[in-house]
Amino acid sequence: MKWPDILDILERPSHRYATVEDVRKIFADYRDALHWLAGFLVGAKLAPACIIDACNVAERQGPVFHEWLAHWAARATLRCALQMQGADIAKLAPTYERFERVDEKRSPLSPEDLQLLIEESDVLPARLDVLCRFVLVMHGIAKESCGEVAAQLGVSQSAVERAYCVAFDTLHLMSKRMLCNADIPIVLSQ
């Protein structure tokens, strides 16, 4: 899976109308990206339950709905994952409230950061709690404001800002670890 796939399904939709056939193709193309998104947020076992079948919905809706269906499929998958993890997020938020104030804001993920996130998505969930993962997707990838993310998660904006700092910094530490490991020569024993 390539980073543009994830970015495309989470960004705001374009303003052209799509046919049902377009939607079927789009959803087929993005199914892997949606599976990655759900797996990253809630784990591989629960991921299939979060993926929303946009094709069935597309057949029952008009052309205005088709315009933003790919975006909706990603958002619906995210919302389903949030319903599964909402209680855990609410329990974690007070912990982030106790962290010190964020003085320097972290930017949304760059294309290189997003590629690293995808490459490390098998180990990153073990290093980030569920709040950090949701914030990383919603603010870092989808580029929603911290206020919008906080409203959707039902937590404070400061908890979102602090969780994003943790997630962003963890991702960048992993990047540095990968660079350090690349500089270590491999010595074969004889």
C-alpha atoms as a PDB file:
ATOM      1  CA  MET A   1       0.000   0.000   0.000  1.00  0.00           C
ATOM      2  CA  LYS A   2       1.257   3.462  -0.851  1.00  0.00           C
ATOM      3  CA  TRP A   3       0.850   6.571   1.302  1.00  0.00           C
ATOM      4  CA  PRO A   4      -1.247   8.445  -1.300  1.00  0.00           C
ATOM      5  CA  ASP A   5      -3.959   5.790  -0.899  1.00  0.00           C
ATOM      6  CA  ILE A   6      -4.379   6.594   2.803  1.00  0.00           C
ATOM      7  CA  LEU A   7      -4.063  10.323   2.211  1.00  0.00           C
ATOM      8  CA  ASP A   8      -6.622  10.287  -0.609  1.00  0.00           C
ATOM      9  CA  ILE A   9      -9.322   8.537   1.390  1.00  0.00           C
ATOM     10  CA  LEU A  10      -8.949  10.825   4.384  1.00  0.00           C
ATOM     11  CA  GLU A  11      -8.702  14.199   2.654  1.00  0.00           C
ATOM     12  CA  ARG A  12     -11.710  16.260   1.689  1.00  0.00           C
ATOM     13  CA  PRO A  13     -13.529  15.007  -1.441  1.00  0.00           C
ATOM     14  CA  SER A  14     -13.328  16.666  -4.848  1.00  0.00           C
ATOM     15  CA  HIS A  15     -16.307  18.455  -6.381  1.00  0.00           C
ATOM     16  CA  ARG A  16     -17.045  16.210  -9.360  1.00  0.00           C
ATOM     17  CA  TYR A  17     -19.845  13.688  -9.468  1.00  0.00           C
ATOM     18  CA  ALA A  18     -19.046  10.004  -9.649  1.00  0.00           C
ATOM     19  CA  THR A  19     -21.146   7.192 -11.029  1.00  0.00           C
ATOM     20  CA  VAL A  20     -21.913   3.977  -9.153  1.00  0.00           C
ATOM     21  CA  GLU A  21     -19.263   2.279 -11.321  1.00  0.00           C
ATOM     22  CA  ASP A  22     -16.729   4.945 -10.304  1.00  0.00           C
ATOM     23  CA  VAL A  23     -17.583   4.345  -6.674  1.00  0.00           C
ATOM     24  CA  ARG A  24     -17.177   0.575  -7.034  1.00  0.00           C
ATOM     25  CA  LYS A  25     -13.731   1.079  -8.570  1.00  0.00           C
ATOM     26  CA  ILE A  26     -12.732   3.653  -5.956  1.00  0.00           C
ATOM     27  CA  PHE A  27     -13.850   1.431  -3.106  1.00  0.00           C
ATOM     28  CA  ALA A  28     -12.058  -1.585  -4.584  1.00  0.00           C
ATOM     29  CA  ASP A  29      -8.895   0.513  -4.923  1.00  0.00           C
ATOM     30  CA  TYR A  30      -9.188   1.806  -1.363  1.00  0.00           C
ATOM     31  CA  ARG A  31     -10.240  -1.406   0.371  1.00  0.00           C
ATOM     32  CA  ASP A  32      -6.619  -2.204   1.264  1.00  0.00           C
ATOM     33  CA  ALA A  33      -6.120   1.335   2.560  1.00  0.00           C
ATOM     34  CA  LEU A  34      -9.286   1.084   4.674  1.00  0.00           C
ATOM     35  CA  HIS A  35      -8.162  -2.297   6.016  1.00  0.00           C
ATOM     36  CA  TRP A  36      -4.800  -0.769   6.987  1.00  0.00           C
ATOM     37  CA  LEU A  37      -6.568   2.169   8.652  1.00  0.00           C
ATOM     38  CA  ALA A  38      -8.876  -0.079  10.684  1.00  0.00           C
ATOM     39  CA  GLY A  39      -6.047  -2.473  11.556  1.00  0.00           C
ATOM     40  CA  PHE A  40      -3.821   0.373  12.731  1.00  0.00           C
ATOM     41  CA  LEU A  41      -6.572   1.812  14.927  1.00  0.00           C
ATOM     42  CA  VAL A  42      -8.129  -1.295  16.472  1.00  0.00           C
ATOM     43  CA  GLY A  43      -5.872  -4.229  15.553  1.00  0.00           C
ATOM     44  CA  ALA A  44      -6.029  -6.935  12.907  1.00  0.00           C
ATOM     45  CA  LYS A  45      -8.695  -9.047  14.648  1.00  0.00           C
ATOM     46  CA  LEU A  46     -11.243  -6.226  14.913  1.00  0.00           C
ATOM     47  CA  ALA A  47     -10.383  -4.483  11.622  1.00  0.00           C
ATOM     48  CA  PRO A  48     -12.814  -6.367   9.345  1.00  0.00           C
ATOM     49  CA  ALA A  49     -15.751  -5.307  11.530  1.00  0.00           C
ATOM     50  CA  CYS A  50     -14.849  -1.638  11.034  1.00  0.00           C
ATOM     51  CA  ILE A  51     -14.582  -1.553   7.256  1.00  0.00           C
ATOM     52  CA  ILE A  52     -17.761  -0.081   5.821  1.00  0.00           C
ATOM     53  CA  ASP A  53     -18.927  -1.490   2.469  1.00  0.00           C
ATOM     54  CA  ALA A  54     -19.473   1.670   0.462  1.00  0.00           C
ATOM     55  CA  CYS A  55     -20.621  -0.201  -2.647  1.00  0.00           C
ATOM     56  CA  ASN A  56     -23.897  -1.278  -1.057  1.00  0.00           C
ATOM     57  CA  VAL A  57     -24.551   2.241   0.157  1.00  0.00           C
ATOM     58  CA  ALA A  58     -23.688   3.762  -3.244  1.00  0.00           C
ATOM     59  CA  GLU A  59     -26.405   1.839  -5.027  1.00  0.00           C
ATOM     60  CA  ARG A  60     -29.072   3.382  -2.781  1.00  0.00           C
ATOM     61  CA  GLN A  61     -27.929   7.017  -3.012  1.00  0.00           C
ATOM     62  CA  GLY A  62     -27.927   9.858  -5.527  1.00  0.00           C
ATOM     63  CA  PRO A  63     -25.036  11.493  -7.393  1.00  0.00           C
ATOM     64  CA  VAL A  64     -24.356  14.143  -4.746  1.00  0.00           C
ATOM     65  CA  PHE A  65     -23.664  11.364  -2.282  1.00  0.00           C
ATOM     66  CA  HIS A  66     -21.262   9.675  -4.712  1.00  0.00           C
ATOM     67  CA  GLU A  67     -19.128  12.805  -4.804  1.00  0.00           C
ATOM     68  CA  TRP A  68     -17.755  12.217  -1.329  1.00  0.00           C
ATOM     69  CA  LEU A  69     -18.214   8.450  -0.947  1.00  0.00           C
ATOM     70  CA  ALA A  70     -14.534   7.485  -0.827  1.00  0.00           C
ATOM     71  CA  HIS A  71     -14.010  10.060   1.896  1.00  0.00           C
ATOM     72  CA  TRP A  72     -17.115   8.837   3.691  1.00  0.00           C
ATOM     73  CA  ALA A  73     -15.944   5.211   3.620  1.00  0.00           C
ATOM     74  CA  ALA A  74     -12.747   6.200   5.416  1.00  0.00           C
ATOM     75  CA  ARG A  75     -14.623   8.369   7.903  1.00  0.00           C
ATOM     76  CA  ALA A  76     -17.201   5.638   8.539  1.00  0.00           C
ATOM     77  CA  THR A  77     -14.417   3.131   9.135  1.00  0.00           C
ATOM     78  CA  LEU A  78     -12.812   5.584  11.545  1.00  0.00           C
ATOM     79  CA  ARG A  79     -16.133   6.207  13.318  1.00  0.00           C
ATOM     80  CA  CYS A  80     -16.753   2.479  13.726  1.00  0.00           C
ATOM     81  CA  ALA A  81     -13.254   2.027  15.147  1.00  0.00           C
ATOM     82  CA  LEU A  82     -13.926   4.932  17.507  1.00  0.00           C
ATOM     83  CA  GLN A  83     -17.118   3.290  18.762  1.00  0.00           C
ATOM     84  CA  MET A  84     -15.064   0.201  19.616  1.00  0.00           C
ATOM     85  CA  GLN A  85     -12.297   2.164  21.330  1.00  0.00           C
ATOM     86  CA  GLY A  86     -14.147   5.206  22.738  1.00  0.00           C
ATOM     87  CA  ALA A  87     -14.106   4.004  26.340  1.00  0.00           C
ATOM     88  CA  ASP A  88     -10.350   3.376  26.231  1.00  0.00           C
ATOM     89  CA  ILE A  89      -9.755   6.801  24.704  1.00  0.00           C
ATOM     90  CA  ALA A  90     -11.817   8.440  27.456  1.00  0.00           C
ATOM     91  CA  LYS A  91      -9.784   6.608  30.116  1.00  0.00           C
ATOM     92  CA  LEU A  92      -6.466   7.707  28.574  1.00  0.00           C
ATOM     93  CA  ALA A  93      -7.330  11.390  28.062  1.00  0.00           C
ATOM     94  CA  PRO A  94      -6.804  12.447  31.725  1.00  0.00           C
ATOM     95  CA  THR A  95      -3.274  11.028  31.580  1.00  0.00           C
ATOM     96  CA  TYR A  96      -2.458  13.384  28.725  1.00  0.00           C
ATOM     97  CA  GLU A  97      -4.010  16.277  30.643  1.00  0.00           C
ATOM     98  CA  ARG A  98      -1.319  15.812  33.295  1.00  0.00           C
ATOM     99  CA  PHE A  99       1.540  16.129  30.765  1.00  0.00           C
ATOM    100  CA  GLU A 100       3.206  19.490  30.544  1.00  0.00           C
ATOM    101  CA  ARG A 101       1.841  22.071  28.137  1.00  0.00           C
ATOM    102  CA  VAL A 102       2.769  21.797  24.454  1.00  0.00           C
ATOM    103  CA  ASP A 103       4.818  24.854  23.526  1.00  0.00           C
ATOM    104  CA  GLU A 104       5.788  23.853  20.015  1.00  0.00           C
ATOM    105  CA  LYS A 105       3.054  22.493  17.744  1.00  0.00           C
ATOM    106  CA  ARG A 106       3.868  19.498  15.543  1.00  0.00           C
ATOM    107  CA  SER A 107       2.862  19.727  11.903  1.00  0.00           C
ATOM    108  CA  PRO A 108       0.685  17.160  10.150  1.00  0.00           C
ATOM    109  CA  LEU A 109       2.607  14.258   8.662  1.00  0.00           C
ATOM    110  CA  SER A 110       4.743  14.850   5.608  1.00  0.00           C
ATOM    111  CA  PRO A 111       4.691  12.319   2.753  1.00  0.00           C
ATOM    112  CA  GLU A 112       7.928  10.851   4.150  1.00  0.00           C
ATOM    113  CA  ASP A 113       6.398  10.571   7.641  1.00  0.00           C
ATOM    114  CA  LEU A 114       3.335   8.883   6.208  1.00  0.00           C
ATOM    115  CA  GLN A 115       5.475   6.380   4.317  1.00  0.00           C
ATOM    116  CA  LEU A 116       7.366   5.618   7.543  1.00  0.00           C
ATOM    117  CA  LEU A 117       4.066   5.204   9.400  1.00  0.00           C
ATOM    118  CA  ILE A 118       2.888   2.649   6.855  1.00  0.00           C
ATOM    119  CA  GLU A 119       6.218   0.819   6.863  1.00  0.00           C
ATOM    120  CA  GLU A 120       6.271   0.648  10.668  1.00  0.00           C
ATOM    121  CA  SER A 121       2.546  -0.002  11.150  1.00  0.00           C
ATOM    122  CA  ASP A 122       3.224  -3.542  12.333  1.00  0.00           C
ATOM    123  CA  VAL A 123       5.284  -2.347  15.347  1.00  0.00           C
ATOM    124  CA  LEU A 124       3.987   1.180  15.906  1.00  0.00           C
ATOM    125  CA  PRO A 125       0.681   0.166  17.567  1.00  0.00           C
ATOM    126  CA  ALA A 126       2.680  -1.560  20.303  1.00  0.00           C
ATOM    127  CA  ARG A 127       4.482   1.738  20.981  1.00  0.00           C
ATOM    128  CA  LEU A 128       1.437   4.021  20.838  1.00  0.00           C
ATOM    129  CA  ASP A 129      -1.751   3.809  22.847  1.00  0.00           C
ATOM    130  CA  VAL A 130      -5.122   4.018  21.129  1.00  0.00           C
ATOM    131  CA  LEU A 131      -5.520   7.760  21.733  1.00  0.00           C
ATOM    132  CA  CYS A 132      -2.179   8.467  20.068  1.00  0.00           C
ATOM    133  CA  ARG A 133      -3.084   6.265  17.097  1.00  0.00           C
ATOM    134  CA  PHE A 134      -6.432   7.991  16.547  1.00  0.00           C
ATOM    135  CA  VAL A 135      -4.891  11.441  16.874  1.00  0.00           C
ATOM    136  CA  LEU A 136      -2.072  10.467  14.523  1.00  0.00           C
ATOM    137  CA  VAL A 137      -4.608   9.440  11.872  1.00  0.00           C
ATOM    138  CA  MET A 138      -7.094  12.270  12.400  1.00  0.00           C
ATOM    139  CA  HIS A 139      -4.680  15.175  12.837  1.00  0.00           C
ATOM    140  CA  GLY A 140      -1.498  13.828  11.274  1.00  0.00           C
ATOM    141  CA  ILE A 141      -2.973  12.225   8.150  1.00  0.00           C
ATOM    142  CA  ALA A 142      -6.437  13.764   7.692  1.00  0.00           C
ATOM    143  CA  LYS A 143      -5.114  17.173   8.795  1.00  0.00           C
ATOM    144  CA  GLU A 144      -8.104  18.000  10.969  1.00  0.00           C
ATOM    145  CA  SER A 145      -7.467  20.656  13.588  1.00  0.00           C
ATOM    146  CA  CYS A 146      -6.806  19.569  17.155  1.00  0.00           C
ATOM    147  CA  GLY A 147     -10.129  21.175  18.118  1.00  0.00           C
ATOM    148  CA  GLU A 148     -12.019  19.118  15.527  1.00  0.00           C
ATOM    149  CA  VAL A 149     -10.268  15.929  16.638  1.00  0.00           C
ATOM    150  CA  ALA A 150     -11.020  16.686  20.290  1.00  0.00           C
ATOM    151  CA  ALA A 151     -14.713  17.205  19.528  1.00  0.00           C
ATOM    152  CA  GLN A 152     -14.945  13.916  17.632  1.00  0.00           C
ATOM    153  CA  LEU A 153     -13.080  11.953  20.305  1.00  0.00           C
ATOM    154  CA  GLY A 154     -14.887  13.598  23.206  1.00  0.00           C
ATOM    155  CA  VAL A 155     -11.675  14.707  24.915  1.00  0.00           C
ATOM    156  CA  SER A 156      -9.997  18.066  25.508  1.00  0.00           C
ATOM    157  CA  GLN A 157      -7.961  19.831  22.858  1.00  0.00           C
ATOM    158  CA  SER A 158      -4.929  19.835  25.129  1.00  0.00           C
ATOM    159  CA  ALA A 159      -5.138  16.025  25.468  1.00  0.00           C
ATOM    160  CA  VAL A 160      -5.198  15.787  21.657  1.00  0.00           C
ATOM    161  CA  GLU A 161      -2.220  18.146  21.299  1.00  0.00           C
ATOM    162  CA  ARG A 162      -0.190  16.215  23.854  1.00  0.00           C
ATOM    163  CA  ALA A 163      -1.128  12.808  22.405  1.00  0.00           C
ATOM    164  CA  TYR A 164      -0.168  14.028  18.946  1.00  0.00           C
ATOM    165  CA  CYS A 165       3.211  15.206  20.244  1.00  0.00           C
ATOM    166  CA  VAL A 166       3.843  11.757  21.711  1.00  0.00           C
ATOM    167  CA  ALA A 167       2.791  10.032  18.472  1.00  0.00           C
ATOM    168  CA  PHE A 168       4.717  12.428  16.231  1.00  0.00           C
ATOM    169  CA  ASP A 169       7.869  12.222  18.344  1.00  0.00           C
ATOM    170  CA  THR A 170       7.644   8.418  18.539  1.00  0.00           C
ATOM    171  CA  LEU A 171       7.386   8.205  14.760  1.00  0.00           C
ATOM    172  CA  HIS A 172      10.405  10.478  14.371  1.00  0.00           C
ATOM    173  CA  LEU A 173      12.396   8.468  16.927  1.00  0.00           C
ATOM    174  CA  MET A 174      11.656   5.352  14.905  1.00  0.00           C
ATOM    175  CA  SER A 175      12.920   7.158  11.813  1.00  0.00           C
ATOM    176  CA  LYS A 176      16.172   8.000  13.576  1.00  0.00           C
ATOM    177  CA  ARG A 177      16.469   4.408  14.821  1.00  0.00           C
ATOM    178  CA  MET A 178      16.120   3.174  11.256  1.00  0.00           C
ATOM    179  CA  LEU A 179      18.838   5.575  10.102  1.00  0.00           C
ATOM    180  CA  CYS A 180      21.161   4.462  12.917  1.00  0.00           C
ATOM    181  CA  ASN A 181      20.581   0.800  12.116  1.00  0.00           C
ATOM    182  CA  ALA A 182      21.315   1.484   8.446  1.00  0.00           C
ATOM    183  CA  ASP A 183      24.766   2.799   9.423  1.00  0.00           C
ATOM    184  CA  ILE A 184      25.720  -0.325  11.393  1.00  0.00           C
ATOM    185  CA  PRO A 185      27.746  -2.705   9.226  1.00  0.00           C
ATOM    186  CA  ILE A 186      26.685  -6.323   9.255  1.00  0.00           C
ATOM    187  CA  VAL A 187      29.455  -8.612  10.467  1.00  0.00           C
ATOM    188  CA  LEU A 188      29.146 -12.236   9.502  1.00  0.00           C
ATOM    189  CA  SER A 189      30.672 -14.741  11.869  1.00  0.00           C
ATOM    190  CA  GLN A 190      33.000 -17.305  10.355  1.00  0.00           C
END
